[in-house]
Amino acid sequence: MYVHIGGEYTILSKSIVGLINLETVPASSSDMNSFLKISEEDNILEYVSEEIPRSIVITGDRVYVSPLSVSTLNKRIRTSNIVTDP
């Protein structure tokens, strides 16, 4: 199933390999800054909105910076994985 991650972006929930809560990562984190810089240099970094970034969604081939919180994304992922009978 698909998950809306902010802006105009919707991705397959099973393609998500990681979520990072930017609200708990210090702005001075050299590891995070390096990760984002490398992702940008590799042209795999996508900002899904101009709103304040709250999380990073990592898939097998892209890195998305999202204005949605990790808790909101987790709820959407869980909801998208619920299978209902027709």
PDB file of N, CA and C in Angstrom:
ATOM      1  N   MET A   1       0.837  -1.184   0.000  1.00  0.00           N
ATOM      2  CA  MET A   1       0.000   0.000   0.000  1.00  0.00           C
ATOM      3  C   MET A   1       0.884   1.251   0.000  1.00  0.00           C
ATOM      4  N   TYR A   2       0.253   2.370  -0.257  1.00  0.00           N
ATOM      5  CA  TYR A   2       0.974   3.634  -0.366  1.00  0.00           C
ATOM      6  C   TYR A   2       0.814   4.483   0.893  1.00  0.00           C
ATOM      7  N   VAL A   3       1.830   5.324   1.135  1.00  0.00           N
ATOM      8  CA  VAL A   3       1.834   6.207   2.295  1.00  0.00           C
ATOM      9  C   VAL A   3       2.123   7.625   1.806  1.00  0.00           C
ATOM     10  N   HIS A   4       1.285   8.576   2.213  1.00  0.00           N
ATOM     11  CA  HIS A   4       1.528   9.982   1.893  1.00  0.00           C
ATOM     12  C   HIS A   4       2.548  10.507   2.899  1.00  0.00           C
ATOM     13  N   ILE A   5       3.671  11.053   2.403  1.00  0.00           N
ATOM     14  CA  ILE A   5       4.743  11.513   3.296  1.00  0.00           C
ATOM     15  C   ILE A   5       4.865  13.032   3.351  1.00  0.00           C
ATOM     16  N   GLY A   6       3.899  13.717   2.737  1.00  0.00           N
ATOM     17  CA  GLY A   6       3.918  15.177   2.735  1.00  0.00           C
ATOM     18  C   GLY A   6       3.984  15.714   1.324  1.00  0.00           C
ATOM     19  N   GLY A   7       3.607  16.973   1.174  1.00  0.00           N
ATOM     20  CA  GLY A   7       3.614  17.593  -0.144  1.00  0.00           C
ATOM     21  C   GLY A   7       2.798  16.768  -1.126  1.00  0.00           C
ATOM     22  N   GLU A   8       3.354  16.549  -2.291  1.00  0.00           N
ATOM     23  CA  GLU A   8       2.706  15.749  -3.333  1.00  0.00           C
ATOM     24  C   GLU A   8       3.289  14.343  -3.395  1.00  0.00           C
ATOM     25  N   TYR A   9       3.950  13.899  -2.338  1.00  0.00           N
ATOM     26  CA  TYR A   9       4.679  12.636  -2.362  1.00  0.00           C
ATOM     27  C   TYR A   9       3.929  11.503  -1.679  1.00  0.00           C
ATOM     28  N   THR A  10       3.780  10.415  -2.404  1.00  0.00           N
ATOM     29  CA  THR A  10       3.201   9.186  -1.894  1.00  0.00           C
ATOM     30  C   THR A  10       4.121   8.060  -2.341  1.00  0.00           C
ATOM     31  N   ILE A  11       4.523   7.202  -1.399  1.00  0.00           N
ATOM     32  CA  ILE A  11       5.448   6.120  -1.726  1.00  0.00           C
ATOM     33  C   ILE A  11       4.914   4.794  -1.198  1.00  0.00           C
ATOM     34  N   LEU A  12       5.440   3.708  -1.724  1.00  0.00           N
ATOM     35  CA  LEU A  12       5.061   2.383  -1.244  1.00  0.00           C
ATOM     36  C   LEU A  12       5.561   2.190   0.184  1.00  0.00           C
ATOM     37  N   SER A  13       4.677   1.752   1.073  1.00  0.00           N
ATOM     38  CA  SER A  13       5.086   1.565   2.471  1.00  0.00           C
ATOM     39  C   SER A  13       6.167   0.504   2.600  1.00  0.00           C
ATOM     40  N   LYS A  14       6.115  -0.532   1.768  1.00  0.00           N
ATOM     41  CA  LYS A  14       7.118  -1.590   1.878  1.00  0.00           C
ATOM     42  C   LYS A  14       8.495  -1.158   1.374  1.00  0.00           C
ATOM     43  N   SER A  15       8.581   0.002   0.699  1.00  0.00           N
ATOM     44  CA  SER A  15       9.883   0.491   0.231  1.00  0.00           C
ATOM     45  C   SER A  15      10.631   1.266   1.316  1.00  0.00           C
ATOM     46  N   ILE A  16       9.953   1.591   2.420  1.00  0.00           N
ATOM     47  CA  ILE A  16      10.573   2.371   3.497  1.00  0.00           C
ATOM     48  C   ILE A  16      11.483   1.473   4.324  1.00  0.00           C
ATOM     49  N   VAL A  17      12.753   1.874   4.415  1.00  0.00           N
ATOM     50  CA  VAL A  17      13.711   1.097   5.204  1.00  0.00           C
ATOM     51  C   VAL A  17      14.109   1.812   6.497  1.00  0.00           C
ATOM     52  N   GLY A  18      13.757   3.101   6.615  1.00  0.00           N
ATOM     53  CA  GLY A  18      14.090   3.804   7.838  1.00  0.00           C
ATOM     54  C   GLY A  18      13.420   5.155   7.953  1.00  0.00           C
ATOM     55  N   LEU A  19      13.201   5.563   9.183  1.00  0.00           N
ATOM     56  CA  LEU A  19      12.672   6.884   9.502  1.00  0.00           C
ATOM     57  C   LEU A  19      13.601   7.527  10.527  1.00  0.00           C
ATOM     58  N   ILE A  20      13.901   8.795  10.335  1.00  0.00           N
ATOM     59  CA  ILE A  20      14.740   9.522  11.283  1.00  0.00           C
ATOM     60  C   ILE A  20      13.957  10.716  11.796  1.00  0.00           C
ATOM     61  N   ASN A  21      13.889  10.843  13.101  1.00  0.00           N
ATOM     62  CA  ASN A  21      13.185  11.941  13.745  1.00  0.00           C
ATOM     63  C   ASN A  21      14.131  13.134  13.842  1.00  0.00           C
ATOM     64  N   LEU A  22      13.934  14.136  12.999  1.00  0.00           N
ATOM     65  CA  LEU A  22      14.813  15.303  13.013  1.00  0.00           C
ATOM     66  C   LEU A  22      14.618  16.169  14.251  1.00  0.00           C
ATOM     67  N   GLU A  23      13.517  15.959  14.954  1.00  0.00           N
ATOM     68  CA  GLU A  23      13.272  16.733  16.166  1.00  0.00           C
ATOM     69  C   GLU A  23      14.179  16.303  17.311  1.00  0.00           C
ATOM     70  N   THR A  24      14.821  15.141  17.170  1.00  0.00           N
ATOM     71  CA  THR A  24      15.717  14.658  18.216  1.00  0.00           C
ATOM     72  C   THR A  24      17.186  14.664  17.790  1.00  0.00           C
ATOM     73  N   VAL A  25      17.444  15.063  16.549  1.00  0.00           N
ATOM     74  CA  VAL A  25      18.821  15.107  16.042  1.00  0.00           C
ATOM     75  C   VAL A  25      19.309  16.547  16.146  1.00  0.00           C
ATOM     76  N   PRO A  26      20.413  16.771  16.853  1.00  0.00           N
ATOM     77  CA  PRO A  26      20.936  18.140  16.962  1.00  0.00           C
ATOM     78  C   PRO A  26      21.312  18.702  15.592  1.00  0.00           C
ATOM     79  N   ALA A  27      21.027  19.980  15.371  1.00  0.00           N
ATOM     80  CA  ALA A  27      21.355  20.630  14.097  1.00  0.00           C
ATOM     81  C   ALA A  27      22.855  20.562  13.810  1.00  0.00           C
ATOM     82  N   SER A  28      23.655  20.422  14.846  1.00  0.00           N
ATOM     83  CA  SER A  28      25.104  20.378  14.683  1.00  0.00           C
ATOM     84  C   SER A  28      25.636  18.964  14.439  1.00  0.00           C
ATOM     85  N   SER A  29      24.753  17.990  14.295  1.00  0.00           N
ATOM     86  CA  SER A  29      25.179  16.604  14.112  1.00  0.00           C
ATOM     87  C   SER A  29      25.966  16.449  12.811  1.00  0.00           C
ATOM     88  N   SER A  30      27.243  16.168  12.932  1.00  0.00           N
ATOM     89  CA  SER A  30      28.086  16.030  11.739  1.00  0.00           C
ATOM     90  C   SER A  30      27.711  14.787  10.931  1.00  0.00           C
ATOM     91  N   ASP A  31      27.281  13.727  11.619  1.00  0.00           N
ATOM     92  CA  ASP A  31      26.857  12.518  10.903  1.00  0.00           C
ATOM     93  C   ASP A  31      25.638  12.797  10.028  1.00  0.00           C
ATOM     94  N   MET A  32      24.651  13.495  10.574  1.00  0.00           N
ATOM     95  CA  MET A  32      23.443  13.805   9.812  1.00  0.00           C
ATOM     96  C   MET A  32      23.761  14.750   8.667  1.00  0.00           C
ATOM     97  N   ASN A  33      24.575  15.753   8.934  1.00  0.00           N
ATOM     98  CA  ASN A  33      24.952  16.690   7.882  1.00  0.00           C
ATOM     99  C   ASN A  33      25.701  15.983   6.755  1.00  0.00           C
ATOM    100  N   SER A  34      26.583  15.052   7.101  1.00  0.00           N
ATOM    101  CA  SER A  34      27.311  14.284   6.087  1.00  0.00           C
ATOM    102  C   SER A  34      26.368  13.405   5.277  1.00  0.00           C
ATOM    103  N   PHE A  35      25.430  12.738   5.970  1.00  0.00           N
ATOM    104  CA  PHE A  35      24.448  11.884   5.299  1.00  0.00           C
ATOM    105  C   PHE A  35      23.637  12.684   4.282  1.00  0.00           C
ATOM    106  N   LEU A  36      23.149  13.859   4.699  1.00  0.00           N
ATOM    107  CA  LEU A  36      22.349  14.687   3.798  1.00  0.00           C
ATOM    108  C   LEU A  36      23.177  15.222   2.644  1.00  0.00           C
ATOM    109  N   LYS A  37      24.419  15.600   2.920  1.00  0.00           N
ATOM    110  CA  LYS A  37      25.297  16.114   1.863  1.00  0.00           C
ATOM    111  C   LYS A  37      25.581  15.035   0.827  1.00  0.00           C
ATOM    112  N   ILE A  38      25.897  13.841   1.271  1.00  0.00           N
ATOM    113  CA  ILE A  38      26.176  12.732   0.348  1.00  0.00           C
ATOM    114  C   ILE A  38      24.925  12.381  -0.454  1.00  0.00           C
ATOM    115  N   SER A  39      23.776  12.363   0.208  1.00  0.00           N
ATOM    116  CA  SER A  39      22.515  12.069  -0.484  1.00  0.00           C
ATOM    117  C   SER A  39      22.237  13.109  -1.556  1.00  0.00           C
ATOM    118  N   GLU A  40      22.506  14.365  -1.252  1.00  0.00           N
ATOM    119  CA  GLU A  40      22.304  15.436  -2.229  1.00  0.00           C
ATOM    120  C   GLU A  40      23.281  15.309  -3.394  1.00  0.00           C
ATOM    121  N   GLU A  41      24.540  15.019  -3.091  1.00  0.00           N
ATOM    122  CA  GLU A  41      25.541  14.844  -4.145  1.00  0.00           C
ATOM    123  C   GLU A  41      25.202  13.677  -5.063  1.00  0.00           C
ATOM    124  N   ASP A  42      24.585  12.645  -4.503  1.00  0.00           N
ATOM    125  CA  ASP A  42      24.185  11.470  -5.285  1.00  0.00           C
ATOM    126  C   ASP A  42      22.832  11.662  -5.975  1.00  0.00           C
ATOM    127  N   ASN A  43      22.262  12.850  -5.846  1.00  0.00           N
ATOM    128  CA  ASN A  43      20.963  13.186  -6.449  1.00  0.00           C
ATOM    129  C   ASN A  43      19.842  12.250  -6.020  1.00  0.00           C
ATOM    130  N   ILE A  44      19.851  11.854  -4.752  1.00  0.00           N
ATOM    131  CA  ILE A  44      18.779  10.996  -4.237  1.00  0.00           C
ATOM    132  C   ILE A  44      17.993  11.684  -3.126  1.00  0.00           C
ATOM    133  N   LEU A  45      18.302  12.945  -2.846  1.00  0.00           N
ATOM    134  CA  LEU A  45      17.648  13.684  -1.770  1.00  0.00           C
ATOM    135  C   LEU A  45      16.484  14.490  -2.328  1.00  0.00           C
ATOM    136  N   GLU A  46      15.311  14.341  -1.707  1.00  0.00           N
ATOM    137  CA  GLU A  46      14.101  15.062  -2.121  1.00  0.00           C
ATOM    138  C   GLU A  46      13.500  15.778  -0.922  1.00  0.00           C
ATOM    139  N   TYR A  47      13.283  17.072  -1.050  1.00  0.00           N
ATOM    140  CA  TYR A  47      12.540  17.818  -0.042  1.00  0.00           C
ATOM    141  C   TYR A  47      11.090  17.812  -0.503  1.00  0.00           C
ATOM    142  N   VAL A  48      10.209  17.210   0.272  1.00  0.00           N
ATOM    143  CA  VAL A  48       8.831  17.023  -0.178  1.00  0.00           C
ATOM    144  C   VAL A  48       7.971  18.267   0.020  1.00  0.00           C
ATOM    145  N   SER A  49       8.474  19.244   0.769  1.00  0.00           N
ATOM    146  CA  SER A  49       7.695  20.435   1.065  1.00  0.00           C
ATOM    147  C   SER A  49       8.645  21.543   1.511  1.00  0.00           C
ATOM    148  N   GLU A  50       8.156  22.761   1.445  1.00  0.00           N
ATOM    149  CA  GLU A  50       8.945  23.890   1.943  1.00  0.00           C
ATOM    150  C   GLU A  50       8.709  24.132   3.433  1.00  0.00           C
ATOM    151  N   GLU A  51       7.839  23.319   4.034  1.00  0.00           N
ATOM    152  CA  GLU A  51       7.571  23.433   5.465  1.00  0.00           C
ATOM    153  C   GLU A  51       8.791  22.982   6.264  1.00  0.00           C
ATOM    154  N   ILE A  52       8.775  23.254   7.550  1.00  0.00           N
ATOM    155  CA  ILE A  52       9.882  22.880   8.431  1.00  0.00           C
ATOM    156  C   ILE A  52      10.037  21.359   8.430  1.00  0.00           C
ATOM    157  N   PRO A  53      11.249  20.860   8.132  1.00  0.00           N
ATOM    158  CA  PRO A  53      11.478  19.405   8.136  1.00  0.00           C
ATOM    159  C   PRO A  53      11.382  18.826   9.543  1.00  0.00           C
ATOM    160  N   ARG A  54      10.651  17.706   9.649  1.00  0.00           N
ATOM    161  CA  ARG A  54      10.508  17.043  10.943  1.00  0.00           C
ATOM    162  C   ARG A  54      11.010  15.614  10.922  1.00  0.00           C
ATOM    163  N   SER A  55      11.166  15.052   9.715  1.00  0.00           N
ATOM    164  CA  SER A  55      11.623  13.664   9.622  1.00  0.00           C
ATOM    165  C   SER A  55      12.314  13.413   8.288  1.00  0.00           C
ATOM    166  N   ILE A  56      13.028  12.296   8.265  1.00  0.00           N
ATOM    167  CA  ILE A  56      13.648  11.822   7.028  1.00  0.00           C
ATOM    168  C   ILE A  56      13.116  10.426   6.793  1.00  0.00           C
ATOM    169  N   VAL A  57      12.657  10.197   5.559  1.00  0.00           N
ATOM    170  CA  VAL A  57      12.151   8.890   5.153  1.00  0.00           C
ATOM    171  C   VAL A  57      13.177   8.305   4.188  1.00  0.00           C
ATOM    172  N   ILE A  58      13.704   7.127   4.529  1.00  0.00           N
ATOM    173  CA  ILE A  58      14.735   6.491   3.710  1.00  0.00           C
ATOM    174  C   ILE A  58      14.131   5.277   3.014  1.00  0.00           C
ATOM    175  N   THR A  59      14.287   5.223   1.697  1.00  0.00           N
ATOM    176  CA  THR A  59      13.874   4.053   0.926  1.00  0.00           C
ATOM    177  C   THR A  59      15.124   3.438   0.323  1.00  0.00           C
ATOM    178  N   GLY A  60      14.950   2.378  -0.436  1.00  0.00           N
ATOM    179  CA  GLY A  60      16.095   1.716  -1.041  1.00  0.00           C
ATOM    180  C   GLY A  60      16.858   2.579  -2.020  1.00  0.00           C
ATOM    181  N   ASP A  61      16.181   3.579  -2.612  1.00  0.00           N
ATOM    182  CA  ASP A  61      16.850   4.378  -3.632  1.00  0.00           C
ATOM    183  C   ASP A  61      16.689   5.891  -3.485  1.00  0.00           C
ATOM    184  N   ARG A  62      15.959   6.363  -2.474  1.00  0.00           N
ATOM    185  CA  ARG A  62      15.747   7.794  -2.281  1.00  0.00           C
ATOM    186  C   ARG A  62      15.773   8.138  -0.790  1.00  0.00           C
ATOM    187  N   VAL A  63      16.021   9.419  -0.533  1.00  0.00           N
ATOM    188  CA  VAL A  63      15.955   9.971   0.817  1.00  0.00           C
ATOM    189  C   VAL A  63      15.029  11.182   0.744  1.00  0.00           C
ATOM    190  N   TYR A  64      13.960  11.157   1.525  1.00  0.00           N
ATOM    191  CA  TYR A  64      12.963  12.218   1.508  1.00  0.00           C
ATOM    192  C   TYR A  64      12.994  12.981   2.824  1.00  0.00           C
ATOM    193  N   VAL A  65      12.991  14.307   2.745  1.00  0.00           N
ATOM    194  CA  VAL A  65      12.901  15.149   3.928  1.00  0.00           C
ATOM    195  C   VAL A  65      11.442  15.596   4.008  1.00  0.00           C
ATOM    196  N   SER A  66      10.774  15.210   5.085  1.00  0.00           N
ATOM    197  CA  SER A  66       9.332  15.400   5.220  1.00  0.00           C
ATOM    198  C   SER A  66       8.978  16.353   6.356  1.00  0.00           C
ATOM    199  N   PRO A  67       7.886  17.114   6.191  1.00  0.00           N
ATOM    200  CA  PRO A  67       7.411  17.970   7.277  1.00  0.00           C
ATOM    201  C   PRO A  67       6.564  17.208   8.299  1.00  0.00           C
ATOM    202  N   LEU A  68       6.299  15.938   8.044  1.00  0.00           N
ATOM    203  CA  LEU A  68       5.481  15.140   8.958  1.00  0.00           C
ATOM    204  C   LEU A  68       6.349  14.523  10.046  1.00  0.00           C
ATOM    205  N   SER A  69       5.781  14.374  11.226  1.00  0.00           N
ATOM    206  CA  SER A  69       6.517  13.759  12.331  1.00  0.00           C
ATOM    207  C   SER A  69       6.630  12.249  12.118  1.00  0.00           C
ATOM    208  N   VAL A  70       7.601  11.659  12.774  1.00  0.00           N
ATOM    209  CA  VAL A  70       7.789  10.207  12.687  1.00  0.00           C
ATOM    210  C   VAL A  70       6.556   9.488  13.228  1.00  0.00           C
ATOM    211  N   SER A  71       5.933  10.016  14.287  1.00  0.00           N
ATOM    212  CA  SER A  71       4.748   9.347  14.828  1.00  0.00           C
ATOM    213  C   SER A  71       3.596   9.366  13.823  1.00  0.00           C
ATOM    214  N   THR A  72       3.411  10.468  13.111  1.00  0.00           N
ATOM    215  CA  THR A  72       2.377  10.529  12.069  1.00  0.00           C
ATOM    216  C   THR A  72       2.687   9.551  10.947  1.00  0.00           C
ATOM    217  N   LEU A  73       3.939   9.512  10.521  1.00  0.00           N
ATOM    218  CA  LEU A  73       4.328   8.585   9.457  1.00  0.00           C
ATOM    219  C   LEU A  73       4.121   7.137   9.890  1.00  0.00           C
ATOM    220  N   ASN A  74       4.500   6.818  11.123  1.00  0.00           N
ATOM    221  CA  ASN A  74       4.303   5.453  11.631  1.00  0.00           C
ATOM    222  C   ASN A  74       2.827   5.065  11.618  1.00  0.00           C
ATOM    223  N   LYS A  75       1.949   5.974  12.021  1.00  0.00           N
ATOM    224  CA  LYS A  75       0.508   5.701  11.998  1.00  0.00           C
ATOM    225  C   LYS A  75       0.038   5.438  10.579  1.00  0.00           C
ATOM    226  N   ARG A  76       0.517   6.242   9.642  1.00  0.00           N
ATOM    227  CA  ARG A  76       0.118   6.058   8.240  1.00  0.00           C
ATOM    228  C   ARG A  76       0.641   4.743   7.676  1.00  0.00           C
ATOM    229  N   ILE A  77       1.851   4.382   8.061  1.00  0.00           N
ATOM    230  CA  ILE A  77       2.429   3.117   7.591  1.00  0.00           C
ATOM    231  C   ILE A  77       1.629   1.947   8.146  1.00  0.00           C
ATOM    232  N   ARG A  78       1.333   1.980   9.437  1.00  0.00           N
ATOM    233  CA  ARG A  78       0.536   0.898  10.048  1.00  0.00           C
ATOM    234  C   ARG A  78      -0.836   0.800   9.392  1.00  0.00           C
ATOM    235  N   THR A  79      -1.468   1.932   9.168  1.00  0.00           N
ATOM    236  CA  THR A  79      -2.796   1.961   8.550  1.00  0.00           C
ATOM    237  C   THR A  79      -2.740   1.428   7.125  1.00  0.00           C
ATOM    238  N   SER A  80      -1.689   1.747   6.394  1.00  0.00           N
ATOM    239  CA  SER A  80      -1.593   1.304   4.998  1.00  0.00           C
ATOM    240  C   SER A  80      -1.336  -0.202   4.903  1.00  0.00           C
ATOM    241  N   ASN A  81      -0.838  -0.799   5.978  1.00  0.00           N
ATOM    242  CA  ASN A  81      -0.532  -2.223   5.951  1.00  0.00           C
ATOM    243  C   ASN A  81      -1.689  -3.087   6.462  1.00  0.00           C
ATOM    244  N   ILE A  82      -2.793  -2.450   6.852  1.00  0.00           N
ATOM    245  CA  ILE A  82      -3.953  -3.213   7.307  1.00  0.00           C
ATOM    246  C   ILE A  82      -4.679  -3.761   6.079  1.00  0.00           C
ATOM    247  N   VAL A  83      -4.881  -5.040   6.071  1.00  0.00           N
ATOM    248  CA  VAL A  83      -5.581  -5.666   4.953  1.00  0.00           C
ATOM    249  C   VAL A  83      -7.034  -5.853   5.352  1.00  0.00           C
ATOM    250  N   THR A  84      -7.917  -5.350   4.506  1.00  0.00           N
ATOM    251  CA  THR A  84      -9.341  -5.515   4.791  1.00  0.00           C
ATOM    252  C   THR A  84      -9.964  -6.472   3.794  1.00  0.00           C
ATOM    253  N   ASP A  85     -10.962  -7.191   4.234  1.00  0.00           N
ATOM    254  CA  ASP A  85     -11.671  -8.108   3.355  1.00  0.00           C
ATOM    255  C   ASP A  85     -12.647  -7.315   2.485  1.00  0.00           C
ATOM    256  N   PRO A  86     -12.743  -7.663   1.208  1.00  0.00           N
ATOM    257  CA  PRO A  86     -13.677  -6.940   0.323  1.00  0.00           C
ATOM    258  C   PRO A  86     -15.118  -7.211   0.649  1.00  0.00           C
TER     259      PRO A  86
END
